[in-house]
N, C-alpha and C. Protein backbone atom coordinates (compact mmCIF):
# COMPACT_ATOMS: atom_id res chain seq x y z
N MET A 1 103.16 104.22 112.89
CA MET A 1 103.70 105.53 113.18
C MET A 1 103.40 106.48 112.04
N CYS A 2 103.29 107.73 112.36
CA CYS A 2 103.04 108.77 111.38
C CYS A 2 104.23 108.88 110.42
N SER A 3 103.93 109.10 109.15
CA SER A 3 104.98 109.21 108.12
C SER A 3 105.68 110.55 108.12
N ARG A 4 105.14 111.54 108.81
CA ARG A 4 105.76 112.87 108.84
C ARG A 4 107.06 112.81 109.63
N ALA A 5 108.05 113.55 109.16
CA ALA A 5 109.35 113.56 109.81
C ALA A 5 109.24 114.06 111.25
N ALA A 6 109.92 113.41 112.15
CA ALA A 6 110.02 113.76 113.57
C ALA A 6 108.70 113.60 114.32
N CYS A 7 107.70 112.93 113.75
CA CYS A 7 106.43 112.69 114.45
C CYS A 7 106.43 111.24 114.92
N ALA A 8 106.26 111.06 116.23
CA ALA A 8 106.28 109.72 116.81
C ALA A 8 104.89 109.25 117.21
N ARG A 9 103.86 110.02 116.83
CA ARG A 9 102.49 109.63 117.20
C ARG A 9 102.03 108.45 116.34
N PRO A 10 101.08 107.66 116.87
CA PRO A 10 100.57 106.53 116.09
C PRO A 10 99.73 106.99 114.91
N ALA A 11 99.83 106.26 113.81
CA ALA A 11 99.06 106.60 112.60
C ALA A 11 97.59 106.23 112.81
N SER A 12 96.71 107.05 112.24
CA SER A 12 95.28 106.78 112.36
C SER A 12 94.59 106.73 111.01
N GLY A 13 95.28 107.13 109.96
CA GLY A 13 94.69 107.12 108.62
C GLY A 13 95.77 107.07 107.56
N THR A 14 95.36 106.74 106.34
CA THR A 14 96.30 106.65 105.23
C THR A 14 95.97 107.67 104.16
N LEU A 15 96.97 108.40 103.73
CA LEU A 15 96.86 109.40 102.69
C LEU A 15 97.32 108.77 101.38
N THR A 16 96.51 108.91 100.34
CA THR A 16 96.84 108.36 99.02
C THR A 16 96.63 109.43 97.97
N TYR A 17 97.55 109.54 97.03
CA TYR A 17 97.42 110.47 95.93
C TYR A 17 96.86 109.74 94.71
N VAL A 18 95.85 110.33 94.08
CA VAL A 18 95.31 109.82 92.82
C VAL A 18 95.66 110.86 91.78
N TYR A 19 96.81 110.68 91.17
CA TYR A 19 97.35 111.69 90.26
C TYR A 19 96.45 111.92 89.05
N SER A 20 95.83 110.87 88.53
CA SER A 20 95.00 111.02 87.33
C SER A 20 93.78 111.90 87.57
N ASP A 21 93.30 111.98 88.83
CA ASP A 21 92.14 112.79 89.16
C ASP A 21 92.50 114.05 89.93
N SER A 22 93.78 114.30 90.16
CA SER A 22 94.23 115.42 90.98
C SER A 22 93.49 115.43 92.32
N THR A 23 93.52 114.27 92.97
CA THR A 23 92.78 114.10 94.22
C THR A 23 93.68 113.50 95.28
N VAL A 24 93.50 113.98 96.52
CA VAL A 24 94.16 113.42 97.68
C VAL A 24 93.08 112.73 98.50
N VAL A 25 93.26 111.44 98.80
CA VAL A 25 92.26 110.70 99.57
C VAL A 25 92.85 110.38 100.94
N LEU A 26 92.12 110.75 101.98
CA LEU A 26 92.51 110.44 103.35
C LEU A 26 91.45 109.51 103.90
N GLY A 27 91.84 108.27 104.17
CA GLY A 27 90.88 107.27 104.61
C GLY A 27 91.39 106.46 105.77
N PRO A 28 90.72 105.34 106.02
CA PRO A 28 91.13 104.46 107.12
C PRO A 28 92.55 103.96 106.92
N LEU A 29 93.16 103.55 107.99
CA LEU A 29 94.53 103.06 107.97
C LEU A 29 94.62 101.85 107.05
N ALA A 30 95.54 101.88 106.11
CA ALA A 30 95.71 100.80 105.14
C ALA A 30 96.28 99.56 105.82
N THR A 31 95.93 98.40 105.28
CA THR A 31 96.42 97.15 105.85
C THR A 31 97.72 96.69 105.24
N TYR A 32 98.13 97.30 104.10
CA TYR A 32 99.40 96.96 103.48
C TYR A 32 99.99 98.20 102.84
N ALA A 33 101.31 98.20 102.68
CA ALA A 33 102.02 99.37 102.15
C ALA A 33 101.87 99.45 100.64
N GLU A 34 101.71 100.65 100.14
CA GLU A 34 101.63 100.90 98.70
C GLU A 34 102.46 102.13 98.39
N PRO A 35 102.97 102.20 97.16
CA PRO A 35 103.67 103.43 96.78
C PRO A 35 102.67 104.59 96.76
N HIS A 36 103.10 105.76 97.04
CA HIS A 36 102.26 106.97 97.04
C HIS A 36 101.19 106.93 98.13
N ALA A 37 101.38 106.15 99.17
CA ALA A 37 100.46 106.12 100.31
C ALA A 37 101.27 106.39 101.57
N TYR A 38 100.74 107.24 102.44
CA TYR A 38 101.45 107.65 103.64
C TYR A 38 100.51 107.58 104.82
N ASP A 39 100.96 106.99 105.93
CA ASP A 39 100.17 106.92 107.15
C ASP A 39 100.37 108.20 107.95
N LEU A 40 99.27 108.77 108.44
CA LEU A 40 99.33 110.02 109.19
C LEU A 40 98.63 109.86 110.54
N CYS A 41 99.13 110.60 111.54
CA CYS A 41 98.46 110.66 112.84
C CYS A 41 97.24 111.58 112.72
N ARG A 42 96.41 111.62 113.76
CA ARG A 42 95.19 112.45 113.72
C ARG A 42 95.50 113.93 113.52
N GLU A 43 96.54 114.43 114.18
CA GLU A 43 96.87 115.85 114.08
C GLU A 43 97.28 116.23 112.66
N HIS A 44 98.16 115.44 112.05
CA HIS A 44 98.61 115.76 110.70
C HIS A 44 97.49 115.52 109.68
N ALA A 45 96.64 114.54 109.91
CA ALA A 45 95.51 114.30 109.01
C ALA A 45 94.53 115.47 109.06
N ALA A 46 94.33 116.03 110.23
CA ALA A 46 93.39 117.15 110.37
C ALA A 46 93.91 118.41 109.69
N ARG A 47 95.24 118.60 109.67
CA ARG A 47 95.83 119.80 109.06
C ARG A 47 96.21 119.62 107.60
N LEU A 48 95.83 118.49 107.00
CA LEU A 48 96.21 118.18 105.63
C LEU A 48 95.65 119.20 104.65
N THR A 49 96.51 119.68 103.77
CA THR A 49 96.08 120.54 102.67
C THR A 49 96.60 119.92 101.37
N ALA A 50 95.91 120.19 100.29
CA ALA A 50 96.28 119.63 98.98
C ALA A 50 96.92 120.72 98.13
N PRO A 51 97.65 120.31 97.11
CA PRO A 51 98.20 121.31 96.19
C PRO A 51 97.09 122.12 95.52
N ARG A 52 97.40 123.31 95.09
CA ARG A 52 96.42 124.17 94.42
C ARG A 52 95.81 123.43 93.23
N GLY A 53 94.49 123.45 93.14
CA GLY A 53 93.78 122.79 92.05
C GLY A 53 93.44 121.33 92.32
N TRP A 54 93.89 120.78 93.44
CA TRP A 54 93.59 119.40 93.80
C TRP A 54 92.41 119.36 94.77
N GLU A 55 91.73 118.25 94.81
CA GLU A 55 90.60 118.05 95.71
C GLU A 55 91.02 117.09 96.83
N VAL A 56 90.53 117.34 98.04
CA VAL A 56 90.79 116.44 99.17
C VAL A 56 89.50 115.68 99.46
N VAL A 57 89.57 114.36 99.48
CA VAL A 57 88.43 113.51 99.82
C VAL A 57 88.77 112.84 101.15
N ARG A 58 87.92 113.05 102.14
CA ARG A 58 88.14 112.45 103.46
C ARG A 58 87.08 111.38 103.69
N LEU A 59 87.53 110.14 103.83
CA LEU A 59 86.63 109.04 104.11
C LEU A 59 86.58 108.81 105.61
N ALA A 60 85.42 108.47 106.12
CA ALA A 60 85.28 108.21 107.55
C ALA A 60 86.17 107.04 107.94
N ALA A 61 86.98 107.24 108.97
CA ALA A 61 87.93 106.20 109.38
C ALA A 61 87.24 105.02 110.04
N ASP A 62 86.05 105.25 110.61
CA ASP A 62 85.38 104.16 111.32
C ASP A 62 84.44 103.36 110.44
N GLN A 63 84.16 103.83 109.23
CA GLN A 63 83.26 103.11 108.34
C GLN A 63 83.87 103.00 106.96
N PRO A 64 83.89 101.79 106.40
CA PRO A 64 84.34 101.67 105.02
C PRO A 64 83.29 102.25 104.09
N ALA A 65 83.71 102.68 102.91
CA ALA A 65 82.76 103.20 101.94
C ALA A 65 81.80 102.09 101.53
N PRO A 66 80.50 102.38 101.48
CA PRO A 66 79.55 101.34 101.11
C PRO A 66 79.72 100.93 99.65
N ALA A 67 79.64 99.64 99.41
CA ALA A 67 79.75 99.14 98.04
C ALA A 67 78.38 99.16 97.39
N SER A 68 78.34 99.64 96.18
CA SER A 68 77.07 99.66 95.47
C SER A 68 76.90 98.34 94.73
N ARG A 69 75.71 98.08 94.25
CA ARG A 69 75.45 96.87 93.48
C ARG A 69 76.33 96.86 92.23
N ASP A 70 76.52 98.02 91.59
CA ASP A 70 77.36 98.11 90.40
C ASP A 70 78.81 97.72 90.72
N ASP A 71 79.30 98.14 91.90
CA ASP A 71 80.66 97.79 92.29
C ASP A 71 80.80 96.28 92.46
N LEU A 72 79.82 95.67 93.10
CA LEU A 72 79.87 94.23 93.34
C LEU A 72 79.77 93.44 92.04
N VAL A 73 78.92 93.89 91.13
CA VAL A 73 78.79 93.21 89.84
C VAL A 73 80.09 93.36 89.04
N ALA A 74 80.67 94.54 89.05
CA ALA A 74 81.93 94.76 88.32
C ALA A 74 83.04 93.88 88.90
N LEU A 75 83.09 93.74 90.21
CA LEU A 75 84.09 92.90 90.84
C LEU A 75 83.89 91.44 90.44
N ALA A 76 82.64 90.97 90.47
CA ALA A 76 82.35 89.59 90.09
C ALA A 76 82.74 89.34 88.63
N GLU A 77 82.45 90.28 87.76
CA GLU A 77 82.80 90.12 86.34
C GLU A 77 84.32 90.09 86.15
N ALA A 78 85.02 90.92 86.88
CA ALA A 78 86.48 90.96 86.77
C ALA A 78 87.09 89.64 87.21
N VAL A 79 86.56 89.06 88.27
CA VAL A 79 87.08 87.79 88.76
C VAL A 79 86.75 86.68 87.76
N ARG A 80 85.55 86.71 87.23
CA ARG A 80 85.12 85.68 86.29
C ARG A 80 85.95 85.72 85.00
N GLN A 81 86.33 86.91 84.55
CA GLN A 81 87.03 87.06 83.29
C GLN A 81 88.55 87.09 83.43
N ARG A 82 89.03 86.83 84.61
CA ARG A 82 90.47 86.88 84.86
C ARG A 82 91.19 85.84 84.01
N PRO A 83 92.19 86.26 83.24
CA PRO A 83 92.92 85.30 82.41
C PRO A 83 93.77 84.37 83.26
N GLU A 84 94.00 83.21 82.75
CA GLU A 84 94.89 82.26 83.42
C GLU A 84 96.30 82.81 83.41
N PRO A 85 97.04 82.64 84.49
CA PRO A 85 98.42 83.15 84.50
C PRO A 85 99.28 82.39 83.50
N GLU A 86 100.13 83.15 82.84
CA GLU A 86 101.05 82.56 81.88
C GLU A 86 102.30 82.10 82.61
N SER A 87 102.80 80.96 82.21
CA SER A 87 104.05 80.52 82.81
C SER A 87 105.18 81.19 82.05
N ARG A 88 105.98 81.94 82.78
CA ARG A 88 107.09 82.66 82.17
C ARG A 88 108.39 82.01 82.60
N PRO A 89 109.29 81.83 81.65
CA PRO A 89 110.60 81.31 82.06
C PRO A 89 111.32 82.36 82.89
N THR A 90 111.96 81.92 83.93
CA THR A 90 112.70 82.86 84.78
C THR A 90 114.11 83.03 84.25
N ASP A 91 114.49 84.28 84.15
CA ASP A 91 115.85 84.60 83.71
C ASP A 91 116.76 84.88 84.90
N ALA A 92 116.22 84.71 86.10
CA ALA A 92 117.00 85.03 87.29
C ALA A 92 118.12 84.01 87.49
N ARG A 93 119.26 84.53 87.84
CA ARG A 93 120.39 83.66 88.14
C ARG A 93 120.27 83.19 89.57
N PRO A 94 120.68 81.98 89.87
CA PRO A 94 120.66 81.54 91.27
C PRO A 94 121.66 82.34 92.09
N GLU A 95 121.33 82.55 93.33
CA GLU A 95 122.22 83.30 94.21
C GLU A 95 123.45 82.46 94.52
N PRO A 96 124.63 83.10 94.62
CA PRO A 96 125.82 82.35 95.01
C PRO A 96 125.65 81.78 96.42
N GLU A 97 126.37 80.74 96.71
CA GLU A 97 126.25 80.10 98.02
C GLU A 97 126.75 81.00 99.15
N SER A 98 127.49 82.05 98.82
CA SER A 98 128.01 82.94 99.85
C SER A 98 126.97 83.98 100.28
N VAL A 99 125.77 83.97 99.67
CA VAL A 99 124.73 84.95 99.96
C VAL A 99 123.52 84.24 100.53
N THR A 100 122.87 84.86 101.52
CA THR A 100 121.64 84.32 102.10
C THR A 100 120.56 85.40 102.13
N GLU A 101 119.33 85.01 101.90
CA GLU A 101 118.21 85.94 101.95
C GLU A 101 117.77 86.10 103.40
N THR A 102 117.71 87.35 103.91
CA THR A 102 117.35 87.58 105.31
C THR A 102 115.96 88.17 105.48
N ASN A 103 115.42 88.77 104.43
CA ASN A 103 114.10 89.39 104.56
C ASN A 103 113.50 89.53 103.17
N ARG A 104 112.18 89.63 103.10
CA ARG A 104 111.48 89.80 101.84
C ARG A 104 110.30 90.73 102.08
N ARG A 105 110.09 91.66 101.14
CA ARG A 105 108.94 92.56 101.20
C ARG A 105 108.44 92.72 99.77
N GLY A 106 107.34 92.03 99.46
CA GLY A 106 106.82 92.05 98.10
C GLY A 106 107.81 91.38 97.17
N HIS A 107 108.22 92.07 96.13
CA HIS A 107 109.17 91.50 95.18
C HIS A 107 110.62 91.86 95.52
N LEU A 108 110.83 92.61 96.61
CA LEU A 108 112.18 93.01 97.00
C LEU A 108 112.73 92.03 98.05
N ARG A 109 114.03 91.77 97.96
CA ARG A 109 114.67 90.87 98.91
C ARG A 109 115.88 91.54 99.52
N VAL A 110 116.18 91.20 100.76
CA VAL A 110 117.40 91.66 101.43
C VAL A 110 118.35 90.48 101.44
N LEU A 111 119.52 90.68 100.83
CA LEU A 111 120.53 89.63 100.76
C LEU A 111 121.75 90.03 101.58
N ARG A 112 122.33 89.09 102.28
CA ARG A 112 123.53 89.36 103.07
C ARG A 112 124.58 88.31 102.76
N ASP A 113 125.83 88.73 102.82
CA ASP A 113 126.93 87.79 102.66
C ASP A 113 127.03 86.92 103.91
N ARG A 114 127.26 85.64 103.70
CA ARG A 114 127.47 84.75 104.85
C ARG A 114 128.89 84.94 105.33
N ASP A 115 129.05 85.01 106.60
CA ASP A 115 130.40 85.19 107.16
C ASP A 115 130.93 83.91 107.72
């Protein structure tokens, strides 16, 4: 669904802000939720305007951006040089027995009291 208030149309693209470049990117519908990303319907995507001084980049929704050889080499190098994960002691307290986890989204959990 479109992220705009009171719009019930299906989303067709995802809007993302790149604050460091003062750029608004409107591209294909994202496969997972991210902060600062909003799904828009075709009508709202077509009428999108950016703040003064910002650039709008519109990516074709039917075609992903082509990867260059440099992009692929950089990705391979990043994977090859990835450090081993460190084992960190958890400081989390165990949940009381009166609480149950009902849902999880990323690192957030929904907890409910057992009745």
